[in-house]
Amino acid sequence: MVYFSGVTTSPEPMGHTASVESDEALVARVLGGETAVFELLMRRHNRRVFRAARAILRNDTEAEDAMQEAYVAAFTHLRDFAGRARFSTWLVRIAVHEALGRLRKSKRLTSLDDGESEGADYDQESSMSTARSPEDAASDVEVRALLETAVDALPIAFRTVFVMRAVEEMTVGEVAEALEIPEETVRTRLHRARGLLRDALAQRLDAAAPSAFDFHLSRCDRVVDAVLKRIRQ
């Protein structure tokens, strides 16, 4: 894992004033020599950058490595940020290129459009194979895990757009700019991603329906014991 290096380690004024400064103002401070301020930019955008890389790589560790490399690249080329796009979008674009580069090196991808056709690289049965009890399904944590598994199974073109647009709540324009695709393509891929997710989740719910409201042995024993106790009285 490559860690960000090369910045000064002097304490950064991370108080209220710094927290409300715009990205552009913080970038200007970094370029002016306050390199430690770059930490604030990273912390401000960590979640978005991670989600973008994670959507492509489907692996937390690889996503962390990719976002670190993206930050190093962003710091190195910070003077190239001309403000034509939002700084967060510029960062995401760098992270996307880094993540895609890793997939290409591992020969897992040739293009972001790979697997865009409906059903390609998408195995609903395997993505929903983890058995869960009705109690688990009612838990927010388990529901989120179920959704994450289904999203991971989406083709990369749909998965990346869904995470950026629906999970990270980036605008259509921001997603289009980050991925360098038309806005209409963003809308189309999001629509198809949602359709695939609905089908997959519906399939899982249908499979689980017969076991819903199950009468567990502990409840059976409790009811029987209570009734017998009353009868004996």
Protein backbone atom coordinates (compact mmCIF):
# COMPACT_ATOMS: atom_id res chain seq x y z
CA MET A 1 0.00 0.00 0.00
CA VAL A 2 1.42 3.38 -0.99
CA TYR A 3 0.92 6.14 1.51
CA PHE A 4 0.79 9.84 0.73
CA SER A 5 4.15 11.41 1.35
CA GLY A 6 6.06 14.56 0.61
CA VAL A 7 3.90 17.06 2.48
CA THR A 8 5.06 19.11 5.43
CA THR A 9 4.13 17.74 8.82
CA SER A 10 3.69 21.06 10.59
CA PRO A 11 0.34 21.42 12.34
CA GLU A 12 -2.46 22.53 10.01
CA PRO A 13 -4.94 25.11 11.24
CA MET A 14 -7.98 22.84 10.94
CA GLY A 15 -10.35 25.12 12.81
CA HIS A 16 -13.67 26.61 11.77
CA THR A 17 -12.15 29.04 9.27
CA ALA A 18 -10.39 26.30 7.31
CA SER A 19 -13.46 24.06 7.38
CA VAL A 20 -15.66 26.63 5.64
CA GLU A 21 -13.15 27.65 2.97
CA SER A 22 -13.95 26.61 -0.56
CA ASP A 23 -11.95 23.90 -2.28
CA GLU A 24 -10.51 26.49 -4.61
CA ALA A 25 -9.31 28.59 -1.68
CA LEU A 26 -7.67 25.55 -0.07
CA VAL A 27 -6.02 24.60 -3.36
CA ALA A 28 -4.62 28.11 -3.59
CA ARG A 29 -3.19 27.77 -0.09
CA VAL A 30 -1.53 24.46 -0.98
CA LEU A 31 -0.03 25.97 -4.13
CA GLY A 32 1.11 28.90 -2.02
CA GLY A 33 3.25 26.61 0.11
CA GLU A 34 0.84 25.43 2.83
CA THR A 35 1.13 21.81 1.76
CA ALA A 36 -0.35 20.49 5.02
CA VAL A 37 -3.70 21.98 3.96
CA PHE A 38 -3.95 19.17 1.42
CA GLU A 39 -4.97 16.95 4.34
CA LEU A 40 -8.18 18.93 4.71
CA LEU A 41 -8.97 18.46 1.02
CA MET A 42 -8.44 14.72 1.35
CA ARG A 43 -10.61 14.40 4.44
CA ARG A 44 -13.31 16.51 2.81
CA HIS A 45 -13.54 14.25 -0.25
CA ASN A 46 -12.39 10.85 1.04
CA ARG A 47 -15.79 9.20 0.97
CA ARG A 48 -16.61 10.28 -2.59
CA VAL A 49 -13.19 9.29 -3.94
CA PHE A 50 -13.32 5.93 -2.15
CA ARG A 51 -16.80 5.13 -3.43
CA ALA A 52 -15.82 5.95 -7.00
CA ALA A 53 -12.75 3.70 -6.86
CA ARG A 54 -14.61 0.98 -4.95
CA ALA A 55 -17.40 0.95 -7.54
CA ILE A 56 -14.87 0.01 -10.21
CA LEU A 57 -12.58 -2.32 -8.27
CA ARG A 58 -15.12 -4.05 -5.99
CA ASN A 59 -12.44 -4.45 -3.33
CA ASP A 60 -11.94 -2.22 -0.28
CA THR A 61 -8.17 -2.66 -0.10
CA GLU A 62 -7.63 -2.04 -3.80
CA ALA A 63 -9.90 0.99 -3.61
CA GLU A 64 -7.85 2.43 -0.76
CA ASP A 65 -4.64 1.90 -2.73
CA ALA A 66 -6.18 3.49 -5.81
CA MET A 67 -7.43 6.53 -3.94
CA GLN A 68 -4.02 7.04 -2.35
CA GLU A 69 -2.38 6.95 -5.77
CA ALA A 70 -5.05 9.32 -7.05
CA TYR A 71 -4.34 11.78 -4.25
CA VAL A 72 -0.60 11.63 -4.94
CA ALA A 73 -1.29 12.31 -8.61
CA ALA A 74 -3.67 15.14 -7.72
CA PHE A 75 -1.10 16.74 -5.42
CA THR A 76 1.65 16.40 -8.02
CA HIS A 77 -0.50 17.96 -10.74
CA LEU A 78 -2.40 20.40 -8.56
CA ARG A 79 -1.35 23.34 -10.73
CA ASP A 80 -3.19 21.68 -13.62
CA PHE A 81 -6.50 22.17 -11.80
CA ALA A 82 -7.89 25.15 -13.66
CA GLY A 83 -11.25 25.38 -11.93
CA ARG A 84 -13.23 24.51 -15.05
CA ALA A 85 -14.87 21.69 -13.07
CA ARG A 86 -15.54 21.27 -9.36
CA PHE A 87 -12.46 20.12 -7.48
CA SER A 88 -14.33 17.03 -6.24
CA THR A 89 -15.18 16.08 -9.83
CA TRP A 90 -11.55 16.57 -10.85
CA LEU A 91 -10.46 14.28 -8.00
CA VAL A 92 -13.03 11.62 -8.88
CA ARG A 93 -11.90 11.64 -12.51
CA ILE A 94 -8.31 11.00 -11.41
CA ALA A 95 -9.47 8.18 -9.11
CA VAL A 96 -11.56 6.64 -11.90
CA HIS A 97 -8.58 6.61 -14.26
CA GLU A 98 -6.38 5.08 -11.55
CA ALA A 99 -8.93 2.37 -10.79
CA LEU A 100 -9.49 1.57 -14.46
CA GLY A 101 -5.73 1.40 -14.97
CA ARG A 102 -5.47 -1.20 -12.24
CA LEU A 103 -8.17 -3.31 -13.86
CA ARG A 104 -6.45 -3.10 -17.22
CA LYS A 105 -3.12 -4.13 -15.72
CA SER A 106 -4.78 -7.16 -14.18
CA LYS A 107 -6.51 -7.81 -17.54
CA ARG A 108 -9.92 -7.62 -15.89
CA LEU A 109 -11.07 -4.78 -18.12
CA THR A 110 -10.43 -3.20 -21.48
CA SER A 111 -13.05 -0.45 -21.34
CA LEU A 112 -15.51 1.07 -18.88
CA ASP A 113 -18.19 -0.05 -21.33
CA ASP A 114 -17.28 -3.72 -20.78
CA GLY A 115 -20.34 -5.67 -19.70
CA GLU A 116 -22.73 -2.84 -20.41
CA SER A 117 -25.17 -5.10 -22.22
CA GLU A 118 -27.89 -6.19 -19.85
CA GLY A 119 -27.00 -9.31 -17.93
CA ALA A 120 -23.34 -9.40 -18.93
CA ASP A 121 -21.07 -10.05 -15.96
CA TYR A 122 -24.18 -10.21 -13.77
CA ASP A 123 -25.06 -13.41 -11.96
CA GLN A 124 -28.20 -12.83 -9.93
CA GLU A 125 -28.14 -16.30 -8.41
CA SER A 126 -24.57 -16.04 -7.12
CA SER A 127 -25.00 -12.43 -5.98
CA MET A 128 -27.95 -13.39 -3.82
CA SER A 129 -26.62 -16.72 -2.60
CA THR A 130 -25.91 -15.72 1.00
CA ALA A 131 -28.73 -17.12 3.14
CA ARG A 132 -30.32 -14.72 5.62
CA SER A 133 -33.03 -15.30 8.16
CA PRO A 134 -36.13 -13.07 8.30
CA GLU A 135 -34.69 -11.44 11.41
CA ASP A 136 -31.47 -10.58 9.56
CA ALA A 137 -33.41 -9.21 6.59
CA ALA A 138 -35.16 -6.82 8.98
CA SER A 139 -31.86 -5.38 10.12
CA ASP A 140 -30.65 -2.22 8.43
CA VAL A 141 -27.11 -3.56 8.48
CA GLU A 142 -28.08 -6.75 6.71
CA VAL A 143 -30.23 -4.96 4.19
CA ARG A 144 -27.31 -2.70 3.37
CA ALA A 145 -25.04 -5.72 2.98
CA LEU A 146 -27.59 -7.30 0.65
CA LEU A 147 -27.72 -4.17 -1.46
CA GLU A 148 -23.93 -3.85 -1.57
CA THR A 149 -23.65 -7.45 -2.76
CA ALA A 150 -26.20 -6.81 -5.49
CA VAL A 151 -24.49 -3.60 -6.57
CA ASP A 152 -21.11 -5.35 -6.71
CA ALA A 153 -22.63 -7.88 -9.11
CA LEU A 154 -23.72 -5.22 -11.60
CA PRO A 155 -21.73 -4.77 -14.83
CA ILE A 156 -19.01 -2.18 -14.26
CA ALA A 157 -20.60 0.47 -16.50
CA PHE A 158 -23.87 0.36 -14.54
CA ARG A 159 -22.23 -0.16 -11.15
CA THR A 160 -19.99 2.90 -11.44
CA VAL A 161 -22.82 5.20 -12.46
CA PHE A 162 -25.16 3.82 -9.76
CA VAL A 163 -22.64 4.35 -6.97
CA MET A 164 -21.75 7.87 -8.09
CA ARG A 165 -25.31 8.95 -8.80
CA ALA A 166 -27.48 7.07 -6.28
CA VAL A 167 -25.08 6.30 -3.45
CA GLU A 168 -22.82 9.36 -3.49
CA GLU A 169 -25.62 11.56 -4.88
CA MET A 170 -23.49 13.29 -7.47
CA THR A 171 -25.43 15.22 -10.11
CA VAL A 172 -25.87 13.83 -13.61
CA GLY A 173 -23.50 16.49 -14.87
CA GLU A 174 -20.84 15.64 -12.31
CA VAL A 175 -21.00 11.93 -13.12
CA ALA A 176 -20.85 12.61 -16.85
CA GLU A 177 -17.85 14.86 -16.39
CA ALA A 178 -16.05 12.46 -14.06
CA LEU A 179 -16.56 9.48 -16.37
CA GLU A 180 -16.26 11.52 -19.56
CA ILE A 181 -19.53 10.24 -21.01
CA PRO A 182 -22.69 12.04 -22.20
CA GLU A 183 -25.32 12.96 -19.61
CA GLU A 184 -27.91 10.86 -21.45
CA THR A 185 -25.63 7.83 -21.08
CA VAL A 186 -25.53 8.47 -17.33
CA ARG A 187 -29.32 8.50 -17.18
CA THR A 188 -29.63 5.36 -19.29
CA ARG A 189 -27.09 3.39 -17.26
CA LEU A 190 -28.67 4.47 -13.97
CA HIS A 191 -32.09 3.35 -15.19
CA ARG A 192 -30.76 -0.04 -16.28
CA ALA A 193 -28.80 -0.47 -13.06
CA ARG A 194 -31.92 0.13 -11.00
CA GLY A 195 -33.83 -2.36 -13.12
CA LEU A 196 -31.21 -5.05 -12.58
CA LEU A 197 -31.15 -4.36 -8.84
CA ARG A 198 -34.94 -4.54 -8.60
CA ASP A 199 -34.94 -7.89 -10.38
CA ALA A 200 -32.16 -9.29 -8.20
CA LEU A 201 -33.68 -8.12 -4.93
CA ALA A 202 -37.14 -9.31 -5.95
CA GLN A 203 -35.68 -12.72 -6.74
CA ARG A 204 -34.07 -12.87 -3.31
CA LEU A 205 -37.25 -11.77 -1.57
CA ASP A 206 -39.32 -14.35 -3.45
CA ALA A 207 -36.90 -17.07 -2.37
CA ALA A 208 -37.06 -15.92 1.25
CA ALA A 209 -40.84 -15.44 1.39
CA PRO A 210 -41.70 -19.05 2.42
CA SER A 211 -39.52 -18.70 5.51
CA ALA A 212 -40.98 -15.38 6.63
CA PHE A 213 -42.73 -15.25 10.02
CA ASP A 214 -41.32 -18.67 10.82
CA PHE A 215 -42.51 -20.36 13.99
CA HIS A 216 -39.22 -21.12 15.69
CA LEU A 217 -38.76 -23.95 18.18
CA SER A 218 -38.20 -21.54 21.06
CA ARG A 219 -41.55 -19.88 20.40
CA CYS A 220 -43.20 -23.26 19.98
CA ASP A 221 -41.88 -24.39 23.36
CA ARG A 222 -42.91 -21.13 24.99
CA VAL A 223 -46.51 -21.32 23.75
CA VAL A 224 -46.90 -25.01 24.56
CA ASP A 225 -45.46 -24.56 28.04
CA ALA A 226 -47.74 -21.62 28.73
CA VAL A 227 -50.85 -23.48 27.57
CA LEU A 228 -50.00 -26.65 29.51
CA LYS A 229 -49.38 -24.58 32.62
CA ARG A 230 -52.82 -22.98 32.35
CA ILE A 231 -54.47 -26.33 31.68
CA ARG A 232 -52.88 -27.89 34.74
CA GLN A 233 -54.17 -25.03 36.88
